[in-house]
Amino acid sequence: MLVSACGSEPPPKSAPASLVSDAPVPPGAARISSSEGTEAVEAVYRAQYPSDSVAAWYRRWFLEHQWRITGDNRLPDGMVVLHAEGPAKPLWLMIRPEGGGTSFSVMTAEPAPK
């Protein structure tokens, strides 16, 4: 018996996990999960130092590597949200204080075609 799939469109393609593999990560941070969507990739890390230290590390890294910080906000719950534009792709960070340390998400997407 042959069963045909509903519709003729292929399933949506996921963004490649390798997009986030070259994103900067502070020393000592451990990757705890990752996920891919159709347009973006996210990796979640845990660090044993304060969230302000993680945010400061990223700000320094962006400046030292000539990235342009286009967003830097602290939310009422203490989360820091950073956005930076690099030479090849954008990077978003959500840095959360968590149990004496920090968890943070690094997200990126494929650049738009020029």
PDB file of N, CA and C in Angstrom:
ATOM      1  N   MET A   1       0.833  -1.167   0.000  1.00  0.00           N
ATOM      2  CA  MET A   1       0.000   0.000   0.000  1.00  0.00           C
ATOM      3  C   MET A   1       0.883   1.237   0.000  1.00  0.00           C
ATOM      4  N   LEU A   2       0.616   2.190  -0.835  1.00  0.00           N
ATOM      5  CA  LEU A   2       1.384   3.404  -0.974  1.00  0.00           C
ATOM      6  C   LEU A   2       0.578   4.559  -0.387  1.00  0.00           C
ATOM      7  N   VAL A   3       1.206   5.309   0.522  1.00  0.00           N
ATOM      8  CA  VAL A   3       0.534   6.441   1.148  1.00  0.00           C
ATOM      9  C   VAL A   3       1.253   7.699   0.715  1.00  0.00           C
ATOM     10  N   SER A   4       0.516   8.650   0.215  1.00  0.00           N
ATOM     11  CA  SER A   4       1.151   9.906  -0.204  1.00  0.00           C
ATOM     12  C   SER A   4       1.052  10.922   0.927  1.00  0.00           C
ATOM     13  N   ALA A   5       2.022  11.788   0.973  1.00  0.00           N
ATOM     14  CA  ALA A   5       2.038  12.835   1.995  1.00  0.00           C
ATOM     15  C   ALA A   5       1.011  13.889   1.639  1.00  0.00           C
ATOM     16  N   CYS A   6       0.478  14.522   2.650  1.00  0.00           N
ATOM     17  CA  CYS A   6      -0.489  15.601   2.436  1.00  0.00           C
ATOM     18  C   CYS A   6       0.248  16.805   1.855  1.00  0.00           C
ATOM     19  N   GLY A   7      -0.217  17.308   0.763  1.00  0.00           N
ATOM     20  CA  GLY A   7       0.403  18.471   0.142  1.00  0.00           C
ATOM     21  C   GLY A   7       1.647  18.088  -0.623  1.00  0.00           C
ATOM     22  N   SER A   8       2.094  18.982  -1.462  1.00  0.00           N
ATOM     23  CA  SER A   8       3.264  18.694  -2.275  1.00  0.00           C
ATOM     24  C   SER A   8       4.498  19.455  -1.813  1.00  0.00           C
ATOM     25  N   GLU A   9       4.366  20.259  -0.775  1.00  0.00           N
ATOM     26  CA  GLU A   9       5.504  21.037  -0.298  1.00  0.00           C
ATOM     27  C   GLU A   9       6.352  20.208   0.654  1.00  0.00           C
ATOM     28  N   PRO A  10       7.690  20.307   0.509  1.00  0.00           N
ATOM     29  CA  PRO A  10       8.567  19.598   1.454  1.00  0.00           C
ATOM     30  C   PRO A  10       8.475  20.258   2.820  1.00  0.00           C
ATOM     31  N   PRO A  11       8.846  19.541   3.888  1.00  0.00           N
ATOM     32  CA  PRO A  11       8.825  20.153   5.220  1.00  0.00           C
ATOM     33  C   PRO A  11       9.798  21.326   5.267  1.00  0.00           C
ATOM     34  N   PRO A  12       9.558  22.296   6.142  1.00  0.00           N
ATOM     35  CA  PRO A  12      10.459  23.449   6.220  1.00  0.00           C
ATOM     36  C   PRO A  12      11.872  23.013   6.566  1.00  0.00           C
ATOM     37  N   LYS A  13      12.823  23.657   5.950  1.00  0.00           N
ATOM     38  CA  LYS A  13      14.235  23.369   6.192  1.00  0.00           C
ATOM     39  C   LYS A  13      14.674  24.064   7.478  1.00  0.00           C
ATOM     40  N   SER A  14      15.443  23.379   8.302  1.00  0.00           N
ATOM     41  CA  SER A  14      15.971  23.986   9.526  1.00  0.00           C
ATOM     42  C   SER A  14      17.251  24.744   9.214  1.00  0.00           C
ATOM     43  N   ALA A  15      17.482  25.810   9.961  1.00  0.00           N
ATOM     44  CA  ALA A  15      18.751  26.530   9.856  1.00  0.00           C
ATOM     45  C   ALA A  15      19.849  25.587  10.348  1.00  0.00           C
ATOM     46  N   PRO A  16      21.021  25.610   9.743  1.00  0.00           N
ATOM     47  CA  PRO A  16      22.085  24.692  10.163  1.00  0.00           C
ATOM     48  C   PRO A  16      22.618  25.004  11.555  1.00  0.00           C
ATOM     49  N   ALA A  17      22.809  23.964  12.356  1.00  0.00           N
ATOM     50  CA  ALA A  17      23.320  24.133  13.721  1.00  0.00           C
ATOM     51  C   ALA A  17      24.700  24.776  13.726  1.00  0.00           C
ATOM     52  N   SER A  18      25.437  24.622  12.642  1.00  0.00           N
ATOM     53  CA  SER A  18      26.786  25.177  12.573  1.00  0.00           C
ATOM     54  C   SER A  18      26.793  26.709  12.639  1.00  0.00           C
ATOM     55  N   LEU A  19      25.641  27.341  12.402  1.00  0.00           N
ATOM     56  CA  LEU A  19      25.574  28.808  12.483  1.00  0.00           C
ATOM     57  C   LEU A  19      26.032  29.331  13.838  1.00  0.00           C
ATOM     58  N   VAL A  20      25.708  28.606  14.885  1.00  0.00           N
ATOM     59  CA  VAL A  20      26.022  29.076  16.232  1.00  0.00           C
ATOM     60  C   VAL A  20      27.332  28.484  16.754  1.00  0.00           C
ATOM     61  N   SER A  21      27.900  27.519  16.042  1.00  0.00           N
ATOM     62  CA  SER A  21      29.102  26.851  16.541  1.00  0.00           C
ATOM     63  C   SER A  21      30.317  27.772  16.603  1.00  0.00           C
ATOM     64  N   ASP A  22      30.347  28.818  15.788  1.00  0.00           N
ATOM     65  CA  ASP A  22      31.490  29.722  15.832  1.00  0.00           C
ATOM     66  C   ASP A  22      31.195  31.006  16.611  1.00  0.00           C
ATOM     67  N   ALA A  23      30.068  31.049  17.305  1.00  0.00           N
ATOM     68  CA  ALA A  23      29.735  32.220  18.121  1.00  0.00           C
ATOM     69  C   ALA A  23      30.663  32.268  19.337  1.00  0.00           C
ATOM     70  N   PRO A  24      31.040  33.461  19.766  1.00  0.00           N
ATOM     71  CA  PRO A  24      31.919  33.571  20.935  1.00  0.00           C
ATOM     72  C   PRO A  24      31.212  33.110  22.211  1.00  0.00           C
ATOM     73  N   VAL A  25      31.976  32.463  23.083  1.00  0.00           N
ATOM     74  CA  VAL A  25      31.448  31.984  24.368  1.00  0.00           C
ATOM     75  C   VAL A  25      32.509  32.262  25.433  1.00  0.00           C
ATOM     76  N   PRO A  26      32.114  32.843  26.558  1.00  0.00           N
ATOM     77  CA  PRO A  26      33.091  33.128  27.619  1.00  0.00           C
ATOM     78  C   PRO A  26      33.776  31.854  28.119  1.00  0.00           C
ATOM     79  N   PRO A  27      35.030  31.969  28.527  1.00  0.00           N
ATOM     80  CA  PRO A  27      35.751  30.812  29.067  1.00  0.00           C
ATOM     81  C   PRO A  27      35.002  30.216  30.258  1.00  0.00           C
ATOM     82  N   GLY A  28      34.974  28.903  30.326  1.00  0.00           N
ATOM     83  CA  GLY A  28      34.348  28.212  31.446  1.00  0.00           C
ATOM     84  C   GLY A  28      32.862  27.976  31.304  1.00  0.00           C
ATOM     85  N   ALA A  29      32.226  28.524  30.280  1.00  0.00           N
ATOM     86  CA  ALA A  29      30.791  28.298  30.082  1.00  0.00           C
ATOM     87  C   ALA A  29      30.586  26.922  29.442  1.00  0.00           C
ATOM     88  N   ALA A  30      29.538  26.235  29.855  1.00  0.00           N
ATOM     89  CA  ALA A  30      29.240  24.894  29.339  1.00  0.00           C
ATOM     90  C   ALA A  30      27.933  24.917  28.563  1.00  0.00           C
ATOM     91  N   ARG A  31      27.946  24.338  27.377  1.00  0.00           N
ATOM     92  CA  ARG A  31      26.724  24.251  26.569  1.00  0.00           C
ATOM     93  C   ARG A  31      25.804  23.211  27.188  1.00  0.00           C
ATOM     94  N   ILE A  32      24.531  23.585  27.387  1.00  0.00           N
ATOM     95  CA  ILE A  32      23.597  22.629  27.981  1.00  0.00           C
ATOM     96  C   ILE A  32      22.496  22.199  27.020  1.00  0.00           C
ATOM     97  N   SER A  33      22.265  22.965  25.954  1.00  0.00           N
ATOM     98  CA  SER A  33      21.284  22.540  24.960  1.00  0.00           C
ATOM     99  C   SER A  33      21.424  23.401  23.708  1.00  0.00           C
ATOM    100  N   SER A  34      20.772  22.950  22.650  1.00  0.00           N
ATOM    101  CA  SER A  34      20.710  23.744  21.430  1.00  0.00           C
ATOM    102  C   SER A  34      19.459  23.360  20.660  1.00  0.00           C
ATOM    103  N   SER A  35      19.015  24.266  19.805  1.00  0.00           N
ATOM    104  CA  SER A  35      17.846  23.984  18.975  1.00  0.00           C
ATOM    105  C   SER A  35      17.952  24.776  17.679  1.00  0.00           C
ATOM    106  N   GLU A  36      17.334  24.234  16.646  1.00  0.00           N
ATOM    107  CA  GLU A  36      17.339  24.873  15.349  1.00  0.00           C
ATOM    108  C   GLU A  36      15.906  25.140  14.925  1.00  0.00           C
ATOM    109  N   GLY A  37      15.660  26.313  14.378  1.00  0.00           N
ATOM    110  CA  GLY A  37      14.370  26.656  13.790  1.00  0.00           C
ATOM    111  C   GLY A  37      14.543  26.814  12.296  1.00  0.00           C
ATOM    112  N   THR A  38      13.525  27.288  11.627  1.00  0.00           N
ATOM    113  CA  THR A  38      13.628  27.440  10.183  1.00  0.00           C
ATOM    114  C   THR A  38      14.544  28.585   9.790  1.00  0.00           C
ATOM    115  N   GLU A  39      14.695  29.591  10.660  1.00  0.00           N
ATOM    116  CA  GLU A  39      15.511  30.746  10.315  1.00  0.00           C
ATOM    117  C   GLU A  39      16.636  31.045  11.296  1.00  0.00           C
ATOM    118  N   ALA A  40      16.610  30.435  12.470  1.00  0.00           N
ATOM    119  CA  ALA A  40      17.601  30.776  13.493  1.00  0.00           C
ATOM    120  C   ALA A  40      18.017  29.538  14.278  1.00  0.00           C
ATOM    121  N   VAL A  41      19.129  29.689  14.985  1.00  0.00           N
ATOM    122  CA  VAL A  41      19.687  28.624  15.820  1.00  0.00           C
ATOM    123  C   VAL A  41      19.968  29.214  17.196  1.00  0.00           C
ATOM    124  N   GLU A  42      19.724  28.416  18.239  1.00  0.00           N
ATOM    125  CA  GLU A  42      19.969  28.859  19.608  1.00  0.00           C
ATOM    126  C   GLU A  42      20.801  27.816  20.337  1.00  0.00           C
ATOM    127  N   ALA A  43      21.789  28.290  21.086  1.00  0.00           N
ATOM    128  CA  ALA A  43      22.552  27.431  21.991  1.00  0.00           C
ATOM    129  C   ALA A  43      22.423  28.034  23.384  1.00  0.00           C
ATOM    130  N   VAL A  44      22.200  27.185  24.379  1.00  0.00           N
ATOM    131  CA  VAL A  44      22.032  27.641  25.760  1.00  0.00           C
ATOM    132  C   VAL A  44      23.243  27.180  26.555  1.00  0.00           C
ATOM    133  N   TYR A  45      23.799  28.090  27.343  1.00  0.00           N
ATOM    134  CA  TYR A  45      25.002  27.830  28.132  1.00  0.00           C
ATOM    135  C   TYR A  45      24.745  28.130  29.605  1.00  0.00           C
ATOM    136  N   ARG A  46      25.612  27.602  30.439  1.00  0.00           N
ATOM    137  CA  ARG A  46      25.583  27.862  31.881  1.00  0.00           C
ATOM    138  C   ARG A  46      26.997  28.256  32.287  1.00  0.00           C
ATOM    139  N   ALA A  47      27.094  29.284  33.123  1.00  0.00           N
ATOM    140  CA  ALA A  47      28.381  29.740  33.640  1.00  0.00           C
ATOM    141  C   ALA A  47      28.256  29.924  35.146  1.00  0.00           C
ATOM    142  N   GLN A  48      29.343  29.735  35.853  1.00  0.00           N
ATOM    143  CA  GLN A  48      29.327  29.825  37.315  1.00  0.00           C
ATOM    144  C   GLN A  48      29.662  31.218  37.824  1.00  0.00           C
ATOM    145  N   TYR A  49      29.607  32.223  36.976  1.00  0.00           N
ATOM    146  CA  TYR A  49      29.873  33.580  37.430  1.00  0.00           C
ATOM    147  C   TYR A  49      28.656  34.452  37.185  1.00  0.00           C
ATOM    148  N   PRO A  50      28.600  35.648  37.775  1.00  0.00           N
ATOM    149  CA  PRO A  50      27.404  36.494  37.714  1.00  0.00           C
ATOM    150  C   PRO A  50      27.032  36.912  36.293  1.00  0.00           C
ATOM    151  N   SER A  51      25.749  37.159  36.095  1.00  0.00           N
ATOM    152  CA  SER A  51      25.260  37.543  34.770  1.00  0.00           C
ATOM    153  C   SER A  51      25.877  38.852  34.286  1.00  0.00           C
ATOM    154  N   ASP A  52      26.147  39.784  35.200  1.00  0.00           N
ATOM    155  CA  ASP A  52      26.782  41.037  34.784  1.00  0.00           C
ATOM    156  C   ASP A  52      28.181  40.788  34.227  1.00  0.00           C
ATOM    157  N   SER A  53      28.883  39.782  34.743  1.00  0.00           N
ATOM    158  CA  SER A  53      30.209  39.433  34.227  1.00  0.00           C
ATOM    159  C   SER A  53      30.106  38.864  32.813  1.00  0.00           C
ATOM    160  N   VAL A  54      29.089  38.033  32.574  1.00  0.00           N
ATOM    161  CA  VAL A  54      28.878  37.481  31.231  1.00  0.00           C
ATOM    162  C   VAL A  54      28.550  38.607  30.258  1.00  0.00           C
ATOM    163  N   ALA A  55      27.643  39.505  30.644  1.00  0.00           N
ATOM    164  CA  ALA A  55      27.279  40.628  29.772  1.00  0.00           C
ATOM    165  C   ALA A  55      28.496  41.511  29.482  1.00  0.00           C
ATOM    166  N   ALA A  56      29.297  41.787  30.498  1.00  0.00           N
ATOM    167  CA  ALA A  56      30.497  42.614  30.310  1.00  0.00           C
ATOM    168  C   ALA A  56      31.485  41.926  29.376  1.00  0.00           C
ATOM    169  N   TRP A  57      31.651  40.602  29.496  1.00  0.00           N
ATOM    170  CA  TRP A  57      32.555  39.855  28.610  1.00  0.00           C
ATOM    171  C   TRP A  57      32.111  40.020  27.156  1.00  0.00           C
ATOM    172  N   TYR A  58      30.802  39.862  26.902  1.00  0.00           N
ATOM    173  CA  TYR A  58      30.304  40.014  25.539  1.00  0.00           C
ATOM    174  C   TYR A  58      30.484  41.439  25.015  1.00  0.00           C
ATOM    175  N   ARG A  59      30.207  42.427  25.842  1.00  0.00           N
ATOM    176  CA  ARG A  59      30.393  43.808  25.388  1.00  0.00           C
ATOM    177  C   ARG A  59      31.839  44.050  24.977  1.00  0.00           C
ATOM    178  N   ARG A  60      32.796  43.595  25.794  1.00  0.00           N
ATOM    179  CA  ARG A  60      34.219  43.748  25.454  1.00  0.00           C
ATOM    180  C   ARG A  60      34.558  42.990  24.171  1.00  0.00           C
ATOM    181  N   TRP A  61      34.074  41.739  24.062  1.00  0.00           N
ATOM    182  CA  TRP A  61      34.371  40.923  22.878  1.00  0.00           C
ATOM    183  C   TRP A  61      33.857  41.610  21.620  1.00  0.00           C
ATOM    184  N   PHE A  62      32.616  42.108  21.649  1.00  0.00           N
ATOM    185  CA  PHE A  62      32.050  42.786  20.483  1.00  0.00           C
ATOM    186  C   PHE A  62      32.906  43.984  20.079  1.00  0.00           C
ATOM    187  N   LEU A  63      33.289  44.797  21.051  1.00  0.00           N
ATOM    188  CA  LEU A  63      34.084  45.981  20.746  1.00  0.00           C
ATOM    189  C   LEU A  63      35.464  45.608  20.205  1.00  0.00           C
ATOM    190  N   GLU A  64      36.111  44.619  20.828  1.00  0.00           N
ATOM    191  CA  GLU A  64      37.443  44.194  20.388  1.00  0.00           C
ATOM    192  C   GLU A  64      37.438  43.601  18.983  1.00  0.00           C
ATOM    193  N   HIS A  65      36.323  43.026  18.578  1.00  0.00           N
ATOM    194  CA  HIS A  65      36.241  42.368  17.263  1.00  0.00           C
ATOM    195  C   HIS A  65      35.455  43.182  16.241  1.00  0.00           C
ATOM    196  N   GLN A  66      35.292  44.467  16.512  1.00  0.00           N
ATOM    197  CA  GLN A  66      34.637  45.413  15.611  1.00  0.00           C
ATOM    198  C   GLN A  66      33.196  45.041  15.253  1.00  0.00           C
ATOM    199  N   TRP A  67      32.478  44.450  16.203  1.00  0.00           N
ATOM    200  CA  TRP A  67      31.042  44.225  16.027  1.00  0.00           C
ATOM    201  C   TRP A  67      30.337  45.484  16.504  1.00  0.00           C
ATOM    202  N   ARG A  68      29.176  45.741  15.960  1.00  0.00           N
ATOM    203  CA  ARG A  68      28.383  46.909  16.339  1.00  0.00           C
ATOM    204  C   ARG A  68      27.264  46.459  17.274  1.00  0.00           C
ATOM    205  N   ILE A  69      27.270  46.952  18.518  1.00  0.00           N
ATOM    206  CA  ILE A  69      26.211  46.627  19.477  1.00  0.00           C
ATOM    207  C   ILE A  69      25.001  47.496  19.125  1.00  0.00           C
ATOM    208  N   THR A  70      23.902  46.848  18.757  1.00  0.00           N
ATOM    209  CA  THR A  70      22.708  47.584  18.332  1.00  0.00           C
ATOM    210  C   THR A  70      21.583  47.503  19.360  1.00  0.00           C
ATOM    211  N   GLY A  71      21.774  46.747  20.412  1.00  0.00           N
ATOM    212  CA  GLY A  71      20.792  46.658  21.479  1.00  0.00           C
ATOM    213  C   GLY A  71      21.450  46.181  22.753  1.00  0.00           C
ATOM    214  N   ASP A  72      21.143  46.836  23.867  1.00  0.00           N
ATOM    215  CA  ASP A  72      21.709  46.469  25.163  1.00  0.00           C
ATOM    216  C   ASP A  72      20.701  46.924  26.221  1.00  0.00           C
ATOM    217  N   ASN A  73      19.877  45.983  26.678  1.00  0.00           N
ATOM    218  CA  ASN A  73      18.797  46.321  27.603  1.00  0.00           C
ATOM    219  C   ASN A  73      18.779  45.396  28.814  1.00  0.00           C
ATOM    220  N   ARG A  74      18.460  45.971  29.971  1.00  0.00           N
ATOM    221  CA  ARG A  74      18.237  45.177  31.177  1.00  0.00           C
ATOM    222  C   ARG A  74      16.733  45.196  31.445  1.00  0.00           C
ATOM    223  N   LEU A  75      16.154  44.002  31.562  1.00  0.00           N
ATOM    224  CA  LEU A  75      14.732  43.876  31.837  1.00  0.00           C
ATOM    225  C   LEU A  75      14.487  43.923  33.341  1.00  0.00           C
ATOM    226  N   PRO A  76      13.243  44.189  33.775  1.00  0.00           N
ATOM    227  CA  PRO A  76      12.938  44.283  35.211  1.00  0.00           C
ATOM    228  C   PRO A  76      13.321  43.026  36.007  1.00  0.00           C
ATOM    229  N   ASP A  77      13.312  41.857  35.374  1.00  0.00           N
ATOM    230  CA  ASP A  77      13.661  40.627  36.095  1.00  0.00           C
ATOM    231  C   ASP A  77      15.165  40.384  36.180  1.00  0.00           C
ATOM    232  N   GLY A  78      15.983  41.333  35.672  1.00  0.00           N
ATOM    233  CA  GLY A  78      17.435  41.201  35.737  1.00  0.00           C
ATOM    234  C   GLY A  78      18.067  40.630  34.480  1.00  0.00           C
ATOM    235  N   MET A  79      17.255  40.132  33.540  1.00  0.00           N
ATOM    236  CA  MET A  79      17.802  39.590  32.302  1.00  0.00           C
ATOM    237  C   MET A  79      18.401  40.718  31.474  1.00  0.00           C
ATOM    238  N   VAL A  80      19.562  40.441  30.858  1.00  0.00           N
ATOM    239  CA  VAL A  80      20.192  41.379  29.938  1.00  0.00           C
ATOM    240  C   VAL A  80      20.009  40.820  28.534  1.00  0.00           C
ATOM    241  N   VAL A  81      19.531  41.673  27.633  1.00  0.00           N
ATOM    242  CA  VAL A  81      19.345  41.280  26.241  1.00  0.00           C
ATOM    243  C   VAL A  81      20.297  42.122  25.401  1.00  0.00           C
ATOM    244  N   LEU A  82      21.198  41.449  24.694  1.00  0.00           N
ATOM    245  CA  LEU A  82      22.158  42.132  23.828  1.00  0.00           C
ATOM    246  C   LEU A  82      21.912  41.731  22.381  1.00  0.00           C
ATOM    247  N   HIS A  83      22.140  42.652  21.469  1.00  0.00           N
ATOM    248  CA  HIS A  83      22.099  42.359  20.039  1.00  0.00           C
ATOM    249  C   HIS A  83      23.309  43.029  19.414  1.00  0.00           C
ATOM    250  N   ALA A  84      24.003  42.301  18.554  1.00  0.00           N
ATOM    251  CA  ALA A  84      25.166  42.864  17.875  1.00  0.00           C
ATOM    252  C   ALA A  84      25.194  42.394  16.433  1.00  0.00           C
ATOM    253  N   GLU A  85      25.729  43.252  15.580  1.00  0.00           N
ATOM    254  CA  GLU A  85      25.889  42.941  14.158  1.00  0.00           C
ATOM    255  C   GLU A  85      27.366  42.714  13.889  1.00  0.00           C
ATOM    256  N   GLY A  86      27.667  41.525  13.357  1.00  0.00           N
ATOM    257  CA  GLY A  86      29.036  41.193  13.007  1.00  0.00           C
ATOM    258  C   GLY A  86      29.233  41.239  11.509  1.00  0.00           C
ATOM    259  N   PRO A  87      30.428  40.913  11.062  1.00  0.00           N
ATOM    260  CA  PRO A  87      30.713  40.979   9.632  1.00  0.00           C
ATOM    261  C   PRO A  87      29.911  39.970   8.800  1.00  0.00           C
ATOM    262  N   ALA A  88      29.508  38.865   9.404  1.00  0.00           N
ATOM    263  CA  ALA A  88      28.817  37.832   8.629  1.00  0.00           C
ATOM    264  C   ALA A  88      27.366  37.617   9.030  1.00  0.00           C
ATOM    265  N   LYS A  89      27.053  37.851  10.314  1.00  0.00           N
ATOM    266  CA  LYS A  89      25.687  37.564  10.783  1.00  0.00           C
ATOM    267  C   LYS A  89      25.416  38.286  12.095  1.00  0.00           C
ATOM    268  N   PRO A  90      24.143  38.420  12.455  1.00  0.00           N
ATOM    269  CA  PRO A  90      23.794  39.045  13.738  1.00  0.00           C
ATOM    270  C   PRO A  90      23.889  38.028  14.878  1.00  0.00           C
ATOM    271  N   LEU A  91      23.936  38.543  16.088  1.00  0.00           N
ATOM    272  CA  LEU A  91      23.959  37.687  17.276  1.00  0.00           C
ATOM    273  C   LEU A  91      23.056  38.314  18.326  1.00  0.00           C
ATOM    274  N   TRP A  92      22.198  37.489  18.929  1.00  0.00           N
ATOM    275  CA  TRP A  92      21.325  37.916  20.025  1.00  0.00           C
ATOM    276  C   TRP A  92      21.714  37.122  21.252  1.00  0.00           C
ATOM    277  N   LEU A  93      21.698  37.780  22.416  1.00  0.00           N
ATOM    278  CA  LEU A  93      22.006  37.111  23.677  1.00  0.00           C
ATOM    279  C   LEU A  93      20.928  37.448  24.694  1.00  0.00           C
ATOM    280  N   MET A  94      20.515  36.435  25.427  1.00  0.00           N
ATOM    281  CA  MET A  94      19.614  36.617  26.567  1.00  0.00           C
ATOM    282  C   MET A  94      20.351  36.039  27.767  1.00  0.00           C
ATOM    283  N   ILE A  95      20.764  36.911  28.677  1.00  0.00           N
ATOM    284  CA  ILE A  95      21.625  36.542  29.798  1.00  0.00           C
ATOM    285  C   ILE A  95      20.802  36.647  31.074  1.00  0.00           C
ATOM    286  N   ARG A  96      20.623  35.496  31.763  1.00  0.00           N
ATOM    287  CA  ARG A  96      19.740  35.418  32.929  1.00  0.00           C
ATOM    288  C   ARG A  96      20.506  34.996  34.190  1.00  0.00           C
ATOM    289  N   PRO A  97      20.344  35.753  35.298  1.00  0.00           N
ATOM    290  CA  PRO A  97      20.892  35.278  36.567  1.00  0.00           C
ATOM    291  C   PRO A  97      20.155  34.004  36.960  1.00  0.00           C
ATOM    292  N   GLU A  98      20.904  33.028  37.449  1.00  0.00           N
ATOM    293  CA  GLU A  98      20.269  31.753  37.789  1.00  0.00           C
ATOM    294  C   GLU A  98      21.057  31.023  38.876  1.00  0.00           C
ATOM    295  N   GLY A  99      20.482  30.938  40.053  1.00  0.00           N
ATOM    296  CA  GLY A  99      21.045  30.136  41.139  1.00  0.00           C
ATOM    297  C   GLY A  99      22.514  30.347  41.429  1.00  0.00           C
ATOM    298  N   GLY A 100      22.957  31.573  41.593  1.00  0.00           N
ATOM    299  CA  GLY A 100      24.360  31.834  41.910  1.00  0.00           C
ATOM    300  C   GLY A 100      25.248  31.845  40.689  1.00  0.00           C
ATOM    301  N   GLY A 101      24.708  31.612  39.537  1.00  0.00           N
ATOM    302  CA  GLY A 101      25.466  31.648  38.290  1.00  0.00           C
ATOM    303  C   GLY A 101      24.633  32.337  37.229  1.00  0.00           C
ATOM    304  N   THR A 102      24.832  31.905  36.006  1.00  0.00           N
ATOM    305  CA  THR A 102      24.154  32.524  34.876  1.00  0.00           C
ATOM    306  C   THR A 102      23.812  31.478  33.837  1.00  0.00           C
ATOM    307  N   SER A 103      22.646  31.589  33.239  1.00  0.00           N
ATOM    308  CA  SER A 103      22.368  30.837  32.025  1.00  0.00           C
ATOM    309  C   SER A 103      22.185  31.875  30.924  1.00  0.00           C
ATOM    310  N   PHE A 104      22.639  31.542  29.732  1.00  0.00           N
ATOM    311  CA  PHE A 104      22.487  32.495  28.641  1.00  0.00           C
ATOM    312  C   PHE A 104      22.285  31.767  27.326  1.00  0.00           C
ATOM    313  N   SER A 105      21.471  32.408  26.490  1.00  0.00           N
ATOM    314  CA  SER A 105      21.170  31.890  25.159  1.00  0.00           C
ATOM    315  C   SER A 105      21.918  32.726  24.139  1.00  0.00           C
ATOM    316  N   VAL A 106      22.537  32.038  23.195  1.00  0.00           N
ATOM    317  CA  VAL A 106      23.202  32.681  22.069  1.00  0.00           C
ATOM    318  C   VAL A 106      22.408  32.284  20.839  1.00  0.00           C
ATOM    319  N   MET A 107      21.880  33.276  20.126  1.00  0.00           N
ATOM    320  CA  MET A 107      21.045  32.994  18.957  1.00  0.00           C
ATOM    321  C   MET A 107      21.606  33.736  17.746  1.00  0.00           C
ATOM    322  N   THR A 108      21.507  33.101  16.590  1.00  0.00           N
ATOM    323  CA  THR A 108      21.923  33.735  15.355  1.00  0.00           C
ATOM    324  C   THR A 108      21.071  33.216  14.210  1.00  0.00           C
ATOM    325  N   ALA A 109      21.169  33.896  13.104  1.00  0.00           N
ATOM    326  CA  ALA A 109      20.406  33.519  11.926  1.00  0.00           C
ATOM    327  C   ALA A 109      21.289  33.690  10.693  1.00  0.00           C
ATOM    328  N   GLU A 110      20.910  33.025   9.634  1.00  0.00           N
ATOM    329  CA  GLU A 110      21.651  33.208   8.394  1.00  0.00           C
ATOM    330  C   GLU A 110      21.414  34.627   7.908  1.00  0.00           C
ATOM    331  N   PRO A 111      22.467  35.266   7.408  1.00  0.00           N
ATOM    332  CA  PRO A 111      22.266  36.622   6.922  1.00  0.00           C
ATOM    333  C   PRO A 111      21.332  36.639   5.719  1.00  0.00           C
ATOM    334  N   ALA A 112      20.616  37.738   5.569  1.00  0.00           N
ATOM    335  CA  ALA A 112      19.717  37.886   4.428  1.00  0.00           C
ATOM    336  C   ALA A 112      20.538  37.989   3.151  1.00  0.00           C
ATOM    337  N   PRO A 113      20.036  37.413   2.067  1.00  0.00           N
ATOM    338  CA  PRO A 113      20.769  37.534   0.796  1.00  0.00           C
ATOM    339  C   PRO A 113      20.881  38.999   0.370  1.00  0.00           C
ATOM    340  N   LYS A 114      21.996  39.335  -0.204  1.00  0.00           N
ATOM    341  CA  LYS A 114      22.226  40.741  -0.631  1.00  0.00           C
ATOM    342  C   LYS A 114      21.906  40.908  -2.082  1.00  0.00           C
TER     343      LYS A 114
END
